[in-house]
Amino acid sequence: MDWDEQRLGRQLRLRDLSLLLTVAQCGSMGKAASVLSVSQPAISKAIADMEYALGVRLLDRKPNGVEPTKYGRVLLDRGLVAFDELRQAMKHIDFLADPTAGEVRIGCSVVLSEGFVAAVVDRLSRRYPRIVFHLLVGESGATYRALEERRIDLAIARLFGTTAEEHLDVEALYDERFVVAAGPRNRWTRRRDVGLADLMNEPWVLPPLDTLTGAVVIEAFRASGLDVPAAAVVTSSTPTRRALLATGRFLTVIPASVLRLAAEKPAPKALPIELPKTPRPIGIVTLKTRMLTPLAQRFIDCARELAQSLATSSAISSAPRRR
């Protein structure tokens, strides 16, 4: 069929496409009718009209509900993109009307949300206090799924080799370095000559060893010819680790940027121990086929500024003296 713009507009209306999306999400026409506050016969007729206009079946009717056919799935996937682009256009119009307000949605890990991303938000919100930031915080897989589903504008994430997909734009910001950290009252902060072997019997707060940060811990001790010490506390919560460091008793392994950007004063301190320097790049990930809103671009520009300051900061880039 020759789907010119005029004919397309007559056959596929945004209202009907939105209705189809709701039916697919609800899994039944009855539930969709309740959500949309319309009658079920009206929904059935709208779907039937779309199927007649397209010449294909969009939904498979089953005793327990409906599900999209392969044709329906194509239309839904493209429909999501169409609605998203319309939302992006409306955000752009709002920005042109008032460039000091609006919203931006960012996906990131827990650790980044408590360090780098929080610092970017703080910087940008001081300049533009009317911007609303929506943070979707979770593990990397969930962050990338949210980006693919267009539920976030961009991701600040650790970059993997598999990140370089054709449909993604990837920009490295900085290489994250990990340090052994202690609270400012810990006795080891007064030592200038200390190695991992000296700390084996100390109370450690460690992340689960099957996590990304856990892999850093394993690598660090193995590189020094040591086994990972028995942890007094195992948690992936950075706030919990920092709270325990503040007691002056515990040690942990933590991203250097978390210490550099810590809001609490006095902040934990990095011990003069050199951990393996395996590159762990942190960067920005966006969809190539999706036009960024001006506020998302503003967030990215601010993230670049902060990353540059981290790269040039002696607190981050200075080389420790011992393993």
Protein backbone atom coordinates (compact mmCIF):
# COMPACT_ATOMS: atom_id res chain seq x y z
CA MET A 1 0.00 0.00 0.00
CA ASP A 2 1.07 3.56 -0.67
CA TRP A 3 0.75 5.20 2.73
CA ASP A 4 0.95 8.89 1.88
CA GLU A 5 0.63 11.36 4.78
CA GLN A 6 -2.96 12.34 4.01
CA ARG A 7 -4.22 8.76 3.81
CA LEU A 8 -2.20 7.76 6.85
CA GLY A 9 -3.82 10.54 8.87
CA ARG A 10 -7.30 9.35 7.88
CA GLN A 11 -6.65 5.67 8.65
CA LEU A 12 -4.49 5.88 11.78
CA ARG A 13 -5.47 8.43 14.37
CA LEU A 14 -3.35 9.11 17.45
CA ARG A 15 -6.36 8.42 19.66
CA ASP A 16 -6.79 4.94 18.20
CA LEU A 17 -3.08 4.20 18.45
CA SER A 18 -3.15 5.28 22.09
CA LEU A 19 -6.13 2.99 22.64
CA LEU A 20 -4.24 0.05 21.12
CA LEU A 21 -1.28 0.74 23.42
CA THR A 22 -3.57 0.71 26.45
CA VAL A 23 -5.23 -2.55 25.41
CA ALA A 24 -1.82 -4.20 24.93
CA GLN A 25 -0.60 -2.95 28.32
CA CYS A 26 -3.78 -4.10 30.11
CA GLY A 27 -3.97 -7.45 28.32
CA SER A 28 -7.73 -7.19 27.85
CA MET A 29 -10.26 -4.88 26.28
CA GLY A 30 -12.38 -4.89 29.43
CA LYS A 31 -9.52 -3.60 31.60
CA ALA A 32 -8.57 -1.05 28.97
CA ALA A 33 -12.17 0.17 28.83
CA SER A 34 -12.08 0.73 32.61
CA VAL A 35 -8.76 2.59 32.42
CA LEU A 36 -9.93 4.81 29.56
CA SER A 37 -13.48 5.26 30.92
CA VAL A 38 -15.08 4.15 27.66
CA SER A 39 -17.28 1.17 26.77
CA GLN A 40 -15.77 -2.13 25.72
CA PRO A 41 -17.80 -2.19 22.46
CA ALA A 42 -16.27 1.19 21.55
CA ILE A 43 -12.78 -0.24 22.02
CA SER A 44 -13.62 -3.38 20.03
CA LYS A 45 -14.94 -1.27 17.17
CA ALA A 46 -11.88 1.01 17.15
CA ILE A 47 -9.52 -2.00 17.02
CA ALA A 48 -11.61 -3.65 14.31
CA ASP A 49 -11.56 -0.42 12.26
CA MET A 50 -7.77 -0.26 12.52
CA GLU A 51 -7.43 -3.90 11.47
CA TYR A 52 -9.73 -3.29 8.49
CA ALA A 53 -7.78 -0.19 7.43
CA LEU A 54 -4.43 -1.99 7.69
CA GLY A 55 -5.63 -5.29 6.30
CA VAL A 56 -4.02 -7.35 9.08
CA ARG A 57 -5.03 -8.65 12.50
CA LEU A 58 -3.45 -6.60 15.31
CA LEU A 59 -4.62 -8.61 18.32
CA ASP A 60 -5.12 -12.29 19.01
CA ARG A 61 -8.31 -12.78 21.03
CA LYS A 62 -7.94 -15.47 23.69
CA PRO A 63 -10.19 -16.69 26.52
CA ASN A 64 -8.04 -14.93 29.13
CA GLY A 65 -7.51 -11.70 27.19
CA VAL A 66 -5.68 -10.41 24.14
CA GLU A 67 -2.10 -10.13 23.01
CA PRO A 68 -0.51 -8.36 20.03
CA THR A 69 0.13 -10.29 16.83
CA LYS A 70 3.44 -9.79 15.02
CA TYR A 71 1.74 -7.00 13.08
CA GLY A 72 0.36 -5.45 16.23
CA ARG A 73 3.79 -5.59 17.88
CA VAL A 74 5.37 -3.68 14.99
CA LEU A 75 2.69 -1.00 15.20
CA LEU A 76 3.03 -0.79 18.99
CA ASP A 77 6.82 -0.50 18.89
CA ARG A 78 6.65 2.23 16.27
CA GLY A 79 3.74 3.85 18.07
CA LEU A 80 5.76 4.13 21.27
CA VAL A 81 8.46 5.93 19.31
CA ALA A 82 5.89 8.26 17.73
CA PHE A 83 4.33 9.20 21.07
CA ASP A 84 7.75 9.65 22.63
CA GLU A 85 8.83 11.99 19.85
CA LEU A 86 5.67 14.02 20.35
CA ARG A 87 6.42 14.26 24.08
CA GLN A 88 9.98 15.34 23.27
CA ALA A 89 8.62 17.99 20.91
CA MET A 90 6.29 19.33 23.61
CA LYS A 91 9.19 19.49 26.08
CA HIS A 92 11.20 21.42 23.51
CA ILE A 93 8.33 23.86 23.05
CA ASP A 94 8.08 24.27 26.85
CA PHE A 95 11.84 24.94 26.96
CA LEU A 96 11.58 27.63 24.29
CA ALA A 97 8.78 29.25 26.28
CA ASP A 98 10.75 29.04 29.55
CA PRO A 99 14.37 27.77 29.39
CA THR A 100 14.73 27.87 33.20
CA ALA A 101 12.17 25.14 33.96
CA GLY A 102 11.21 21.63 32.92
CA GLU A 103 12.25 18.09 33.73
CA VAL A 104 14.96 15.61 32.83
CA ARG A 105 15.06 11.86 33.47
CA ILE A 106 18.35 10.12 34.27
CA GLY A 107 19.13 6.46 34.87
CA CYS A 108 22.14 5.42 36.94
CA SER A 109 23.47 2.94 39.49
CA VAL A 110 23.12 3.42 43.25
CA VAL A 111 26.80 4.34 43.66
CA LEU A 112 26.67 6.93 40.87
CA SER A 113 23.42 8.36 42.23
CA GLU A 114 25.15 9.03 45.56
CA GLY A 115 28.28 10.55 44.04
CA PHE A 116 28.72 11.80 40.50
CA VAL A 117 25.07 12.12 39.46
CA ALA A 118 24.10 13.79 42.74
CA ALA A 119 26.89 16.31 42.22
CA VAL A 120 25.73 17.09 38.66
CA VAL A 121 22.17 17.55 39.91
CA ASP A 122 23.40 19.88 42.66
CA ARG A 123 25.41 22.00 40.22
CA LEU A 124 22.63 22.26 37.66
CA SER A 125 19.86 22.88 40.19
CA ARG A 126 21.81 25.79 41.67
CA ARG A 127 21.89 27.39 38.24
CA TYR A 128 18.30 26.45 37.34
CA PRO A 129 16.33 25.79 40.57
CA ARG A 130 13.06 25.16 38.70
CA ILE A 131 14.32 22.08 36.84
CA VAL A 132 12.85 18.82 38.16
CA PHE A 133 15.18 15.79 38.08
CA HIS A 134 13.78 12.26 37.92
CA LEU A 135 16.39 9.65 38.90
CA LEU A 136 15.80 6.00 38.04
CA VAL A 137 18.31 4.22 40.27
CA GLY A 138 19.06 0.54 39.75
CA GLU A 139 21.49 -2.01 38.40
CA SER A 140 23.02 -1.53 34.95
CA GLY A 141 20.67 -3.93 33.16
CA ALA A 142 17.60 -2.08 34.40
CA THR A 143 19.14 1.25 33.42
CA TYR A 144 19.81 0.13 29.86
CA ARG A 145 16.30 -1.34 29.55
CA ALA A 146 14.79 1.95 30.69
CA LEU A 147 16.82 3.76 28.05
CA GLU A 148 15.71 1.33 25.32
CA GLU A 149 12.09 1.79 26.41
CA ARG A 150 12.52 5.59 26.38
CA ARG A 151 11.57 5.94 30.03
CA ILE A 152 14.70 8.01 30.66
CA ASP A 153 16.45 10.67 28.58
CA LEU A 154 19.95 9.38 29.21
CA ALA A 155 21.98 6.99 31.31
CA ILE A 156 25.09 7.70 33.37
CA ALA A 157 26.62 4.25 33.65
CA ARG A 158 29.70 2.12 33.69
CA LEU A 159 30.63 1.41 30.08
CA PHE A 160 31.09 -2.21 29.03
CA GLY A 161 32.43 -3.60 25.77
CA THR A 162 28.87 -4.53 24.80
CA THR A 163 27.74 -0.92 25.27
CA ALA A 164 28.97 -0.04 21.79
CA GLU A 165 25.73 -1.00 20.06
CA GLU A 166 24.90 0.58 16.71
CA HIS A 167 21.75 2.24 18.07
CA LEU A 168 23.49 3.81 21.10
CA ASP A 169 25.61 6.93 21.43
CA VAL A 170 28.30 6.41 24.06
CA GLU A 171 30.59 9.10 25.47
CA ALA A 172 33.20 8.29 28.12
CA LEU A 173 33.40 10.89 30.90
CA TYR A 174 36.10 9.62 33.26
CA ASP A 175 37.77 6.45 34.52
CA GLU A 176 36.54 5.51 37.96
CA ARG A 177 39.30 4.64 40.44
CA PHE A 178 38.65 2.70 43.64
CA VAL A 179 40.33 3.35 46.97
CA VAL A 180 40.53 1.83 50.42
CA ALA A 181 38.64 4.27 52.65
CA ALA A 182 38.41 4.87 56.39
CA GLY A 183 36.61 7.31 58.61
CA PRO A 184 38.55 10.44 59.63
CA ARG A 185 38.91 9.07 63.17
CA ASN A 186 40.29 5.70 62.10
CA ARG A 187 43.85 5.10 63.33
CA TRP A 188 44.99 4.01 59.87
CA THR A 189 44.43 7.49 58.45
CA ARG A 190 47.42 8.68 60.49
CA ARG A 191 49.74 6.12 58.86
CA ARG A 192 51.70 7.13 55.77
CA ASP A 193 53.08 3.67 55.10
CA VAL A 194 50.36 1.03 54.93
CA GLY A 195 49.55 -1.93 52.67
CA LEU A 196 46.63 -4.29 52.28
CA ALA A 197 48.51 -7.01 54.20
CA ASP A 198 48.50 -4.73 57.28
CA LEU A 199 44.69 -4.53 57.17
CA MET A 200 43.71 -8.20 56.94
CA ASN A 201 42.40 -8.39 60.52
CA GLU A 202 40.55 -5.09 60.47
CA PRO A 203 36.72 -4.96 60.41
CA TRP A 204 35.80 -4.60 56.73
CA VAL A 205 32.51 -3.44 55.21
CA LEU A 206 32.50 -5.05 51.76
CA PRO A 207 30.05 -5.25 48.87
CA PRO A 208 28.76 -8.69 47.80
CA LEU A 209 31.65 -10.28 45.94
CA ASP A 210 29.43 -11.23 42.96
CA THR A 211 28.82 -7.54 42.14
CA LEU A 212 30.88 -5.15 40.02
CA THR A 213 32.44 -3.51 43.07
CA GLY A 214 32.96 -6.95 44.60
CA ALA A 215 35.04 -7.88 41.55
CA VAL A 216 37.22 -4.84 42.25
CA VAL A 217 37.78 -6.07 45.83
CA ILE A 218 38.74 -9.56 44.69
CA GLU A 219 41.12 -8.18 42.06
CA ALA A 220 42.79 -5.84 44.58
CA PHE A 221 43.58 -8.50 47.16
CA ARG A 222 44.61 -11.12 44.62
CA ALA A 223 46.99 -8.65 42.97
CA SER A 224 48.67 -8.32 46.36
CA GLY A 225 48.85 -12.10 46.79
CA LEU A 226 46.15 -12.08 49.45
CA ASP A 227 42.77 -13.68 50.00
CA VAL A 228 39.80 -11.40 50.50
CA PRO A 229 39.43 -10.86 54.26
CA ALA A 230 36.32 -12.00 56.06
CA ALA A 231 33.88 -9.10 56.07
CA ALA A 232 32.28 -7.86 59.27
CA VAL A 233 29.45 -6.40 57.19
CA VAL A 234 28.39 -7.23 53.62
CA THR A 235 26.23 -4.61 51.89
CA SER A 236 25.90 -2.90 48.52
CA SER A 237 24.54 0.23 50.24
CA THR A 238 27.04 3.08 49.98
CA PRO A 239 25.27 5.16 52.69
CA THR A 240 25.56 2.19 55.09
CA ARG A 241 29.25 1.80 54.33
CA ARG A 242 29.88 5.51 54.86
CA ALA A 243 27.90 5.49 58.11
CA LEU A 244 30.03 2.63 59.43
CA LEU A 245 33.23 4.37 58.33
CA ALA A 246 32.17 7.37 60.40
CA THR A 247 32.42 5.27 63.58
CA GLY A 248 36.19 5.12 63.07
CA ARG A 249 36.32 1.33 63.22
CA PHE A 250 35.60 0.04 59.73
CA LEU A 251 37.35 0.00 56.35
CA THR A 252 35.86 -0.38 52.88
CA VAL A 253 36.63 -0.20 49.15
CA ILE A 254 34.75 2.60 47.46
CA PRO A 255 34.89 4.71 44.25
CA ALA A 256 37.27 7.62 44.67
CA SER A 257 34.68 10.01 43.22
CA VAL A 258 32.33 9.22 46.11
CA LEU A 259 34.94 10.57 48.54
CA ARG A 260 35.79 13.51 46.31
CA LEU A 261 32.14 14.51 46.00
CA ALA A 262 31.01 13.56 49.52
CA ALA A 263 28.53 16.01 51.01
CA GLU A 264 29.16 15.05 54.64
CA LYS A 265 31.99 16.76 56.51
CA PRO A 266 34.46 15.54 57.54
CA ALA A 267 34.44 13.11 54.64
CA PRO A 268 35.98 9.62 54.74
CA LYS A 269 39.63 9.47 53.74
CA ALA A 270 41.45 7.35 51.20
CA LEU A 271 44.36 5.36 52.60
CA PRO A 272 47.67 5.52 50.66
CA ILE A 273 47.21 2.11 49.05
CA GLU A 274 47.45 1.57 45.32
CA LEU A 275 44.75 -0.71 43.96
CA PRO A 276 44.94 -2.30 40.47
CA LYS A 277 44.25 0.30 37.79
CA THR A 278 41.91 -1.68 35.56
CA PRO A 279 40.06 0.95 33.45
CA ARG A 280 36.46 1.30 34.60
CA PRO A 281 35.04 4.06 32.40
CA ILE A 282 31.91 5.94 33.41
CA GLY A 283 30.01 7.63 30.62
CA ILE A 284 26.84 8.96 29.05
CA VAL A 285 24.62 6.64 27.01
CA THR A 286 21.79 7.88 24.79
CA LEU A 287 19.74 6.55 21.89
CA LYS A 288 20.99 7.60 18.46
CA THR A 289 17.50 7.69 17.00
CA ARG A 290 16.08 9.91 19.74
CA MET A 291 16.49 13.66 19.74
CA LEU A 292 17.56 14.93 23.15
CA THR A 293 15.57 17.65 24.84
CA PRO A 294 17.44 20.89 25.56
CA LEU A 295 17.35 20.14 29.29
CA ALA A 296 18.86 16.69 28.75
CA GLN A 297 21.64 18.32 26.73
CA ARG A 298 22.11 20.86 29.52
CA PHE A 299 22.52 17.99 32.00
CA ILE A 300 25.11 16.35 29.72
CA ASP A 301 27.08 19.60 29.42
CA CYS A 302 27.14 19.92 33.21
CA ALA A 303 28.24 16.28 33.55
CA ARG A 304 31.15 16.98 31.19
CA GLU A 305 32.20 19.96 33.31
CA LEU A 306 32.23 17.91 36.50
CA ALA A 307 34.04 15.00 34.84
CA GLN A 308 36.74 17.42 33.68
CA SER A 309 37.20 18.68 37.23
CA LEU A 310 37.53 15.09 38.45
CA ALA A 311 40.14 14.34 35.80
CA THR A 312 42.26 17.33 36.83
CA SER A 313 41.75 17.03 40.57
CA SER A 314 44.83 15.96 42.48
CA ALA A 315 42.57 14.24 45.00
CA ILE A 316 41.51 11.80 42.28
CA SER A 317 44.50 11.54 39.98
CA SER A 318 47.42 11.43 42.43
CA ALA A 319 49.12 8.03 42.57
CA PRO A 320 49.18 6.25 45.97
CA ARG A 321 52.49 4.94 47.22
CA ARG A 322 51.92 1.31 48.24
CA ARG A 323 49.84 -1.75 47.57
